[in-house]
C-alpha atoms as a PDB file:
ATOM      1  CA  MET A   1      -8.550   6.276  -9.833  1.00  0.00           C
ATOM      2  CA  LYS A   2      -6.532   3.137  -9.381  1.00  0.00           C
ATOM      3  CA  SER A   3      -3.233   5.012  -9.439  1.00  0.00           C
ATOM      4  CA  SER A   4      -4.595   7.468  -6.871  1.00  0.00           C
ATOM      5  CA  GLY A   5      -5.583   4.578  -4.646  1.00  0.00           C
ATOM      6  CA  ASN A   6      -2.103   3.112  -4.990  1.00  0.00           C
ATOM      7  CA  LYS A   7      -0.546   6.455  -4.088  1.00  0.00           C
ATOM      8  CA  LEU A   8      -2.827   6.820  -1.079  1.00  0.00           C
ATOM      9  CA  THR A   9      -1.895   3.331   0.092  1.00  0.00           C
ATOM     10  CA  ALA A  10       1.823   4.014  -0.328  1.00  0.00           C
ATOM     11  CA  ILE A  11       1.653   7.327   1.513  1.00  0.00           C
ATOM     12  CA  THR A  12      -0.336   5.771   4.344  1.00  0.00           C
ATOM     13  CA  ARG A  13       2.173   2.931   4.680  1.00  0.00           C
ATOM     14  CA  GLU A  14       4.989   5.468   4.836  1.00  0.00           C
ATOM     15  CA  LEU A  15       3.138   7.402   7.529  1.00  0.00           C
ATOM     16  CA  TRP A  16       2.701   4.185   9.518  1.00  0.00           C
ATOM     17  CA  ALA A  17       6.400   3.352   9.145  1.00  0.00           C
ATOM     18  CA  GLN A  18       7.303   6.844  10.372  1.00  0.00           C
ATOM     19  CA  TRP A  19       4.965   6.380  13.305  1.00  0.00           C
ATOM     20  CA  GLN A  20       6.630   3.089  14.208  1.00  0.00           C
ATOM     21  CA  ARG A  21       9.991   4.884  14.317  1.00  0.00           C
ATOM     22  CA  THR A  22       8.491   7.691  16.402  1.00  0.00           C
ATOM     23  CA  LYS A  23       7.099   5.212  18.906  1.00  0.00           C
ATOM     24  CA  GLY A  24      10.678   4.205  19.666  1.00  0.00           C
ATOM     25  CA  SER A  25      11.178   7.494  21.491  1.00  0.00           C
ATOM     26  CA  TRP A  26       7.597   8.403  22.400  1.00  0.00           C
ATOM     27  CA  HIS A  27       5.957   5.582  24.275  1.00  0.00           C
ATOM     28  CA  ASP A  28       3.669   6.897  26.953  1.00  0.00           C
ATOM     29  CA  ALA A  29      -0.085   6.915  27.470  1.00  0.00           C
ATOM     30  CA  ARG A  30      -0.509   9.916  25.147  1.00  0.00           C
ATOM     31  CA  SER A  31       1.267   8.182  22.274  1.00  0.00           C
ATOM     32  CA  GLN A  32      -0.970   5.153  22.729  1.00  0.00           C
ATOM     33  CA  GLU A  33      -4.025   7.391  22.757  1.00  0.00           C
ATOM     34  CA  PHE A  34      -2.798   9.207  19.629  1.00  0.00           C
ATOM     35  CA  GLU A  35      -2.299   5.926  17.800  1.00  0.00           C
ATOM     36  CA  ARG A  36      -5.647   4.527  18.843  1.00  0.00           C
ATOM     37  CA  ARG A  37      -7.585   7.735  18.307  1.00  0.00           C
ATOM     38  CA  TYR A  38      -6.065   8.972  15.069  1.00  0.00           C
ATOM     39  CA  LEU A  39      -3.761   6.570  13.300  1.00  0.00           C
ATOM     40  CA  GLU A  40      -5.762   3.380  13.667  1.00  0.00           C
ATOM     41  CA  GLU A  41      -8.869   5.210  12.473  1.00  0.00           C
ATOM     42  CA  LEU A  42      -6.909   6.684   9.571  1.00  0.00           C
ATOM     43  CA  MET A  43      -5.609   3.267   8.542  1.00  0.00           C
ATOM     44  CA  THR A  44      -9.116   1.812   8.612  1.00  0.00           C
ATOM     45  CA  SER A  45     -10.567   4.741   6.682  1.00  0.00           C
ATOM     46  CA  VAL A  46      -7.854   4.618   4.031  1.00  0.00           C
ATOM     47  CA  SER A  47      -8.356   0.895   3.579  1.00  0.00           C
ATOM     48  CA  ARG A  48     -12.090   1.362   3.056  1.00  0.00           C
ATOM     49  CA  THR A  49     -11.510   4.319   0.755  1.00  0.00           C
ATOM     50  CA  VAL A  50      -9.064   2.425  -1.441  1.00  0.00           C
ATOM     51  CA  THR A  51     -11.536  -0.449  -1.719  1.00  0.00           C
ATOM     52  CA  VAL A  52     -14.252   1.954  -2.875  1.00  0.00           C
ATOM     53  CA  MET A  53     -11.851   3.625  -5.302  1.00  0.00           C
ATOM     54  CA  GLU A  54     -11.039   0.229  -6.827  1.00  0.00           C
ATOM     55  CA  GLN A  55     -14.746  -0.529  -7.195  1.00  0.00           C
ATOM     56  CA  LEU A  56     -15.344   2.855  -8.813  1.00  0.00           C
ATOM     57  CA  ASP A  57     -12.430   2.287 -11.179  1.00  0.00           C
ATOM     58  CA  LYS A  58     -13.979  -0.999 -12.296  1.00  0.00           C
ATOM     59  CA  LEU A  59     -17.353   0.669 -12.758  1.00  0.00           C
ATOM     60  CA  VAL A  60     -15.903   3.545 -14.794  1.00  0.00           C
ATOM     61  CA  THR A  61     -14.014   1.059 -16.966  1.00  0.00           C
ATOM     62  CA  LYS A  62     -17.220  -0.897 -17.562  1.00  0.00           C
ATOM     63  CA  VAL A  63     -19.178   2.265 -18.407  1.00  0.00           C
ATOM     64  CA  ARG A  64     -16.491   3.324 -20.894  1.00  0.00           C
ATOM     65  CA  LYS A  65     -16.582  -0.084 -22.577  1.00  0.00           C
ATOM     66  CA  ASP A  66     -20.372  -0.025 -22.712  1.00  0.00           C
ATOM     67  CA  CYS A  67     -20.328   3.411 -24.352  1.00  0.00           C
ATOM     68  CA  GLU A  68     -17.938   2.402 -27.128  1.00  0.00           C
END
């Protein structure tokens, strides 16, 4: 799970970097709405998801150790 969380974080950062480049040529009210409505929410959701994935990874590791 941890590697999946790392991949998700990396992909999301790349998306954000691409968006920053896009904003250089698309900077009107619609682009601001798109960022606020979709990308900011996505960034928040990914951050929360990765945190939960890390917690689950720790729990699975503990369960495995307890079962040995």
